[in-house]
ModelCIF file with pLDDT and N, C-alpha, C, O atoms, coordinates in Angstrom:
data_MODEL
#
_entry.id   MODEL 
#
_entity.id                         1 
_entity.type                       polymer 
_entity.pdbx_number_of_molecules   1 
#
_entity_poly.entity_id                      1 
_entity_poly.type                           'polypeptide(L)' 
_entity_poly.nstd_linkage                   no 
_entity_poly.nstd_monomer                   no 
_entity_poly.pdbx_seq_one_letter_code       PSIGGVAIFGEDIYSMNKKKLSELKRDSLG 
_entity_poly.pdbx_seq_one_letter_code_can   PSIGGVAIFGEDIYSMNKKKLSELKRDSLG 
_entity_poly.pdbx_strand_id                 A 
#
loop_
_entity_poly_seq.entity_id 
_entity_poly_seq.num 
_entity_poly_seq.mon_id 
_entity_poly_seq.hetero 
1 1  PRO n 
1 2  SER n 
1 3  ILE n 
1 4  GLY n 
1 5  GLY n 
1 6  VAL n 
1 7  ALA n 
1 8  ILE n 
1 9  PHE n 
1 10 GLY n 
1 11 GLU n 
1 12 ASP n 
1 13 ILE n 
1 14 TYR n 
1 15 SER n 
1 16 MET n 
1 17 ASN n 
1 18 LYS n 
1 19 LYS n 
1 20 LYS n 
1 21 LEU n 
1 22 SER n 
1 23 GLU n 
1 24 LEU n 
1 25 LYS n 
1 26 ARG n 
1 27 ASP n 
1 28 SER n 
1 29 LEU n 
1 30 GLY n 
#
_struct_asym.id          A 
_struct_asym.entity_id   1 
#
loop_
_ma_qa_metric.id 
_ma_qa_metric.mode 
_ma_qa_metric.name 
_ma_qa_metric.software_group_id 
_ma_qa_metric.type 
1 global pLDDT . pLDDT 
2 local  pLDDT . pLDDT 
#
_ma_qa_metric_global.metric_id      1 
_ma_qa_metric_global.metric_value   95.30 
_ma_qa_metric_global.model_id       1 
_ma_qa_metric_global.ordinal_id     1 
#
loop_
_ma_qa_metric_local.label_asym_id 
_ma_qa_metric_local.label_comp_id 
_ma_qa_metric_local.label_seq_id 
_ma_qa_metric_local.metric_id 
_ma_qa_metric_local.metric_value 
_ma_qa_metric_local.model_id 
_ma_qa_metric_local.ordinal_id 
A PRO 1  2 97.00 1 1  
A SER 2  2 96.00 1 2  
A ILE 3  2 97.00 1 3  
A GLY 4  2 97.00 1 4  
A GLY 5  2 96.00 1 5  
A VAL 6  2 98.00 1 6  
A ALA 7  2 98.00 1 7  
A ILE 8  2 98.00 1 8  
A PHE 9  2 97.00 1 9  
A GLY 10 2 96.00 1 10 
A GLU 11 2 96.00 1 11 
A ASP 12 2 96.00 1 12 
A ILE 13 2 97.00 1 13 
A TYR 14 2 95.00 1 14 
A SER 15 2 94.00 1 15 
A MET 16 2 95.00 1 16 
A ASN 17 2 95.00 1 17 
A LYS 18 2 93.00 1 18 
A LYS 19 2 95.00 1 19 
A LYS 20 2 96.00 1 20 
A LEU 21 2 95.00 1 21 
A SER 22 2 93.00 1 22 
A GLU 23 2 93.00 1 23 
A LEU 24 2 95.00 1 24 
A LYS 25 2 93.00 1 25 
A ARG 26 2 91.00 1 26 
A ASP 27 2 91.00 1 27 
A SER 28 2 95.00 1 28 
A LEU 29 2 96.00 1 29 
A GLY 30 2 95.00 1 30 
#
loop_
_atom_site.group_PDB 
_atom_site.id 
_atom_site.type_symbol 
_atom_site.label_atom_id 
_atom_site.label_alt_id 
_atom_site.label_comp_id 
_atom_site.label_asym_id 
_atom_site.label_entity_id 
_atom_site.label_seq_id 
_atom_site.pdbx_PDB_ins_code 
_atom_site.Cartn_x 
_atom_site.Cartn_y 
_atom_site.Cartn_z 
_atom_site.occupancy 
_atom_site.B_iso_or_equiv 
_atom_site.pdbx_formal_charge 
_atom_site.auth_seq_id 
_atom_site.auth_comp_id 
_atom_site.auth_asym_id 
_atom_site.auth_atom_id 
_atom_site.pdbx_PDB_model_num 
ATOM 1   N N  . PRO A 1 1  ? 42.450 -97.151  21.573 1.00 97.00 ? 1  PRO A N  1 
ATOM 2   C CA . PRO A 1 1  ? 42.488 -96.812  22.990 1.00 97.00 ? 1  PRO A CA 1 
ATOM 3   C C  . PRO A 1 1  ? 42.464 -95.310  23.219 1.00 97.00 ? 1  PRO A C  1 
ATOM 4   O O  . PRO A 1 1  ? 42.820 -94.516  22.348 1.00 97.00 ? 1  PRO A O  1 
ATOM 5   N N  . SER A 1 2  ? 42.029 -94.946  24.433 1.00 96.00 ? 2  SER A N  1 
ATOM 6   C CA . SER A 1 2  ? 42.081 -93.545  24.819 1.00 96.00 ? 2  SER A CA 1 
ATOM 7   C C  . SER A 1 2  ? 43.476 -93.062  24.919 1.00 96.00 ? 2  SER A C  1 
ATOM 8   O O  . SER A 1 2  ? 43.779 -91.941  24.511 1.00 96.00 ? 2  SER A O  1 
ATOM 9   N N  . ILE A 1 3  ? 44.385 -93.919  25.479 1.00 97.00 ? 3  ILE A N  1 
ATOM 10  C CA . ILE A 1 3  ? 45.821 -93.602  25.611 1.00 97.00 ? 3  ILE A CA 1 
ATOM 11  C C  . ILE A 1 3  ? 46.607 -94.972  25.317 1.00 97.00 ? 3  ILE A C  1 
ATOM 12  O O  . ILE A 1 3  ? 46.133 -96.068  25.618 1.00 97.00 ? 3  ILE A O  1 
ATOM 13  N N  . GLY A 1 4  ? 47.738 -94.817  24.756 1.00 97.00 ? 4  GLY A N  1 
ATOM 14  C CA . GLY A 1 4  ? 48.633 -96.015  24.527 1.00 97.00 ? 4  GLY A CA 1 
ATOM 15  C C  . GLY A 1 4  ? 48.671 -96.450  23.118 1.00 97.00 ? 4  GLY A C  1 
ATOM 16  O O  . GLY A 1 4  ? 48.065 -95.819  22.252 1.00 97.00 ? 4  GLY A O  1 
ATOM 17  N N  . GLY A 1 5  ? 49.368 -97.515  22.855 1.00 96.00 ? 5  GLY A N  1 
ATOM 18  C CA . GLY A 1 5  ? 49.545 -98.043  21.515 1.00 96.00 ? 5  GLY A CA 1 
ATOM 19  C C  . GLY A 1 5  ? 49.682 -99.561  21.529 1.00 96.00 ? 5  GLY A C  1 
ATOM 20  O O  . GLY A 1 5  ? 50.085 -100.207 22.497 1.00 96.00 ? 5  GLY A O  1 
ATOM 21  N N  . VAL A 1 6  ? 49.281 -100.092 20.286 1.00 98.00 ? 6  VAL A N  1 
ATOM 22  C CA . VAL A 1 6  ? 49.420 -101.519 20.068 1.00 98.00 ? 6  VAL A CA 1 
ATOM 23  C C  . VAL A 1 6  ? 50.228 -101.718 18.787 1.00 98.00 ? 6  VAL A C  1 
ATOM 24  O O  . VAL A 1 6  ? 49.844 -101.221 17.728 1.00 98.00 ? 6  VAL A O  1 
ATOM 25  N N  . ALA A 1 7  ? 51.336 -102.440 18.878 1.00 98.00 ? 7  ALA A N  1 
ATOM 26  C CA . ALA A 1 7  ? 52.105 -102.808 17.738 1.00 98.00 ? 7  ALA A CA 1 
ATOM 27  C C  . ALA A 1 7  ? 51.946 -104.246 17.400 1.00 98.00 ? 7  ALA A C  1 
ATOM 28  O O  . ALA A 1 7  ? 52.071 -105.082 18.295 1.00 98.00 ? 7  ALA A O  1 
ATOM 29  N N  . ILE A 1 8  ? 51.682 -104.598 16.186 1.00 98.00 ? 8  ILE A N  1 
ATOM 30  C CA . ILE A 1 8  ? 51.594 -105.937 15.679 1.00 98.00 ? 8  ILE A CA 1 
ATOM 31  C C  . ILE A 1 8  ? 52.646 -106.063 14.633 1.00 98.00 ? 8  ILE A C  1 
ATOM 32  O O  . ILE A 1 8  ? 52.703 -105.278 13.686 1.00 98.00 ? 8  ILE A O  1 
ATOM 33  N N  . PHE A 1 9  ? 53.531 -107.108 14.810 1.00 97.00 ? 9  PHE A N  1 
ATOM 34  C CA . PHE A 1 9  ? 54.751 -107.298 13.900 1.00 97.00 ? 9  PHE A CA 1 
ATOM 35  C C  . PHE A 1 9  ? 55.557 -106.029 13.936 1.00 97.00 ? 9  PHE A C  1 
ATOM 36  O O  . PHE A 1 9  ? 56.178 -105.660 12.939 1.00 97.00 ? 9  PHE A O  1 
ATOM 37  N N  . GLY A 1 10 ? 55.561 -105.356 15.061 1.00 96.00 ? 10 GLY A N  1 
ATOM 38  C CA . GLY A 1 10 ? 56.521 -104.173 15.213 1.00 96.00 ? 10 GLY A CA 1 
ATOM 39  C C  . GLY A 1 10 ? 55.941 -102.866 14.632 1.00 96.00 ? 10 GLY A C  1 
ATOM 40  O O  . GLY A 1 10 ? 56.634 -101.849 14.646 1.00 96.00 ? 10 GLY A O  1 
ATOM 41  N N  . GLU A 1 11 ? 54.715 -102.858 14.133 1.00 96.00 ? 11 GLU A N  1 
ATOM 42  C CA . GLU A 1 11 ? 54.164 -101.582 13.656 1.00 96.00 ? 11 GLU A CA 1 
ATOM 43  C C  . GLU A 1 11 ? 52.856 -101.176 14.374 1.00 96.00 ? 11 GLU A C  1 
ATOM 44  O O  . GLU A 1 11 ? 51.977 -102.010 14.588 1.00 96.00 ? 11 GLU A O  1 
ATOM 45  N N  . ASP A 1 12 ? 52.750 -99.972  14.716 1.00 96.00 ? 12 ASP A N  1 
ATOM 46  C CA . ASP A 1 12 ? 51.602 -99.521  15.429 1.00 96.00 ? 12 ASP A CA 1 
ATOM 47  C C  . ASP A 1 12 ? 50.414 -99.501  14.557 1.00 96.00 ? 12 ASP A C  1 
ATOM 48  O O  . ASP A 1 12 ? 50.360 -98.807  13.542 1.00 96.00 ? 12 ASP A O  1 
ATOM 49  N N  . ILE A 1 13 ? 49.398 -100.323 14.990 1.00 97.00 ? 13 ILE A N  1 
ATOM 50  C CA . ILE A 1 13 ? 48.229 -100.536 14.160 1.00 97.00 ? 13 ILE A CA 1 
ATOM 51  C C  . ILE A 1 13 ? 47.318 -99.330  14.052 1.00 97.00 ? 13 ILE A C  1 
ATOM 52  O O  . ILE A 1 13 ? 46.582 -99.186  13.076 1.00 97.00 ? 13 ILE A O  1 
ATOM 53  N N  . TYR A 1 14 ? 47.367 -98.450  15.066 1.00 95.00 ? 14 TYR A N  1 
ATOM 54  C CA . TYR A 1 14 ? 46.512 -97.226  14.963 1.00 95.00 ? 14 TYR A CA 1 
ATOM 55  C C  . TYR A 1 14 ? 47.187 -96.071  14.269 1.00 95.00 ? 14 TYR A C  1 
ATOM 56  O O  . TYR A 1 14 ? 46.648 -94.967  14.199 1.00 95.00 ? 14 TYR A O  1 
ATOM 57  N N  . SER A 1 15 ? 48.403 -96.342  13.743 1.00 94.00 ? 15 SER A N  1 
ATOM 58  C CA . SER A 1 15 ? 49.081 -95.367  12.830 1.00 94.00 ? 15 SER A CA 1 
ATOM 59  C C  . SER A 1 15 ? 48.943 -95.776  11.389 1.00 94.00 ? 15 SER A C  1 
ATOM 60  O O  . SER A 1 15 ? 49.174 -94.971  10.487 1.00 94.00 ? 15 SER A O  1 
ATOM 61  N N  . MET A 1 16 ? 48.566 -97.029  11.157 1.00 95.00 ? 16 MET A N  1 
ATOM 62  C CA . MET A 1 16 ? 48.461 -97.537  9.805  1.00 95.00 ? 16 MET A CA 1 
ATOM 63  C C  . MET A 1 16 ? 47.316 -96.808  9.087  1.00 95.00 ? 16 MET A C  1 
ATOM 64  O O  . MET A 1 16 ? 46.370 -96.315  9.701  1.00 95.00 ? 16 MET A O  1 
ATOM 65  N N  . ASN A 1 17 ? 47.460 -96.764  7.683  1.00 95.00 ? 17 ASN A N  1 
ATOM 66  C CA . ASN A 1 17 ? 46.402 -96.348  6.907  1.00 95.00 ? 17 ASN A CA 1 
ATOM 67  C C  . ASN A 1 17 ? 45.399 -97.382  6.745  1.00 95.00 ? 17 ASN A C  1 
ATOM 68  O O  . ASN A 1 17 ? 45.700 -98.544  7.018  1.00 95.00 ? 17 ASN A O  1 
ATOM 69  N N  . LYS A 1 18 ? 44.172 -97.068  6.305  1.00 93.00 ? 18 LYS A N  1 
ATOM 70  C CA . LYS A 1 18 ? 43.085 -98.019  6.278  1.00 93.00 ? 18 LYS A CA 1 
ATOM 71  C C  . LYS A 1 18 ? 43.307 -99.238  5.413  1.00 93.00 ? 18 LYS A C  1 
ATOM 72  O O  . LYS A 1 18 ? 42.861 -100.344 5.718  1.00 93.00 ? 18 LYS A O  1 
ATOM 73  N N  . LYS A 1 19 ? 43.996 -99.003  4.346  1.00 95.00 ? 19 LYS A N  1 
ATOM 74  C CA . LYS A 1 19 ? 44.240 -100.107 3.379  1.00 95.00 ? 19 LYS A CA 1 
ATOM 75  C C  . LYS A 1 19 ? 45.210 -101.110 3.991  1.00 95.00 ? 19 LYS A C  1 
ATOM 76  O O  . LYS A 1 19 ? 45.023 -102.317 3.839  1.00 95.00 ? 19 LYS A O  1 
ATOM 77  N N  . LYS A 1 20 ? 46.259 -100.623 4.693  1.00 96.00 ? 20 LYS A N  1 
ATOM 78  C CA . LYS A 1 20 ? 47.250 -101.518 5.251  1.00 96.00 ? 20 LYS A CA 1 
ATOM 79  C C  . LYS A 1 20 ? 46.630 -102.229 6.477  1.00 96.00 ? 20 LYS A C  1 
ATOM 80  O O  . LYS A 1 20 ? 46.938 -103.389 6.751  1.00 96.00 ? 20 LYS A O  1 
ATOM 81  N N  . LEU A 1 21 ? 45.801 -101.551 7.167  1.00 95.00 ? 21 LEU A N  1 
ATOM 82  C CA . LEU A 1 21 ? 45.182 -102.188 8.370  1.00 95.00 ? 21 LEU A CA 1 
ATOM 83  C C  . LEU A 1 21 ? 44.175 -103.276 7.923  1.00 95.00 ? 21 LEU A C  1 
ATOM 84  O O  . LEU A 1 21 ? 44.069 -104.331 8.550  1.00 95.00 ? 21 LEU A O  1 
ATOM 85  N N  . SER A 1 22 ? 43.458 -103.001 6.853  1.00 93.00 ? 22 SER A N  1 
ATOM 86  C CA . SER A 1 22 ? 42.521 -103.913 6.228  1.00 93.00 ? 22 SER A CA 1 
ATOM 87  C C  . SER A 1 22 ? 43.255 -105.226 5.840  1.00 93.00 ? 22 SER A C  1 
ATOM 88  O O  . SER A 1 22 ? 42.820 -106.332 6.161  1.00 93.00 ? 22 SER A O  1 
ATOM 89  N N  . GLU A 1 23 ? 44.395 -105.034 5.128  1.00 93.00 ? 23 GLU A N  1 
ATOM 90  C CA . GLU A 1 23 ? 45.166 -106.213 4.707  1.00 93.00 ? 23 GLU A CA 1 
ATOM 91  C C  . GLU A 1 23 ? 45.731 -106.948 5.864  1.00 93.00 ? 23 GLU A C  1 
ATOM 92  O O  . GLU A 1 23 ? 45.787 -108.175 5.796  1.00 93.00 ? 23 GLU A O  1 
ATOM 93  N N  . LEU A 1 24 ? 46.160 -106.319 6.930  1.00 95.00 ? 24 LEU A N  1 
ATOM 94  C CA . LEU A 1 24 ? 46.557 -106.997 8.120  1.00 95.00 ? 24 LEU A CA 1 
ATOM 95  C C  . LEU A 1 24 ? 45.513 -107.840 8.681  1.00 95.00 ? 24 LEU A C  1 
ATOM 96  O O  . LEU A 1 24 ? 45.739 -109.016 8.968  1.00 95.00 ? 24 LEU A O  1 
ATOM 97  N N  . LYS A 1 25 ? 44.328 -107.265 8.856  1.00 93.00 ? 25 LYS A N  1 
ATOM 98  C CA . LYS A 1 25 ? 43.161 -107.975 9.450  1.00 93.00 ? 25 LYS A CA 1 
ATOM 99  C C  . LYS A 1 25 ? 42.841 -109.221 8.578  1.00 93.00 ? 25 LYS A C  1 
ATOM 100 O O  . LYS A 1 25 ? 42.608 -110.328 9.063  1.00 93.00 ? 25 LYS A O  1 
ATOM 101 N N  . ARG A 1 26 ? 42.849 -108.944 7.249  1.00 91.00 ? 26 ARG A N  1 
ATOM 102 C CA . ARG A 1 26 ? 42.492 -110.089 6.269  1.00 91.00 ? 26 ARG A CA 1 
ATOM 103 C C  . ARG A 1 26 ? 43.543 -111.218 6.298  1.00 91.00 ? 26 ARG A C  1 
ATOM 104 O O  . ARG A 1 26 ? 43.200 -112.400 6.306  1.00 91.00 ? 26 ARG A O  1 
ATOM 105 N N  . ASP A 1 27 ? 44.834 -110.825 6.312  1.00 91.00 ? 27 ASP A N  1 
ATOM 106 C CA . ASP A 1 27 ? 45.818 -111.858 6.128  1.00 91.00 ? 27 ASP A CA 1 
ATOM 107 C C  . ASP A 1 27 ? 46.381 -112.477 7.454  1.00 91.00 ? 27 ASP A C  1 
ATOM 108 O O  . ASP A 1 27 ? 46.836 -113.620 7.464  1.00 91.00 ? 27 ASP A O  1 
ATOM 109 N N  . SER A 1 28 ? 46.338 -111.713 8.532  1.00 95.00 ? 28 SER A N  1 
ATOM 110 C CA . SER A 1 28 ? 47.156 -112.144 9.688  1.00 95.00 ? 28 SER A CA 1 
ATOM 111 C C  . SER A 1 28 ? 46.371 -112.289 11.007 1.00 95.00 ? 28 SER A C  1 
ATOM 112 O O  . SER A 1 28 ? 46.842 -112.911 11.959 1.00 95.00 ? 28 SER A O  1 
ATOM 113 N N  . LEU A 1 29 ? 45.123 -111.678 11.039 1.00 96.00 ? 29 LEU A N  1 
ATOM 114 C CA . LEU A 1 29 ? 44.419 -111.695 12.347 1.00 96.00 ? 29 LEU A CA 1 
ATOM 115 C C  . LEU A 1 29 ? 43.162 -112.591 12.206 1.00 96.00 ? 29 LEU A C  1 
ATOM 116 O O  . LEU A 1 29 ? 42.441 -112.587 11.208 1.00 96.00 ? 29 LEU A O  1 
ATOM 117 N N  . GLY A 1 30 ? 42.982 -113.309 13.234 1.00 95.00 ? 30 GLY A N  1 
ATOM 118 C CA . GLY A 1 30 ? 41.703 -114.170 13.275 1.00 95.00 ? 30 GLY A CA 1 
ATOM 119 C C  . GLY A 1 30 ? 40.949 -113.822 14.551 1.00 95.00 ? 30 GLY A C  1 
ATOM 120 O O  . GLY A 1 30 ? 39.884 -114.384 14.811 1.00 95.00 ? 30 GLY A O  1 
#
């Protein structure tokens, strides 16, 4: 987003490193 944040399971997804975000998408998001 231009402004604001999104937390999934309590962690800001746009502050995650690429590896952790990729694992989140693979394992938990559909």
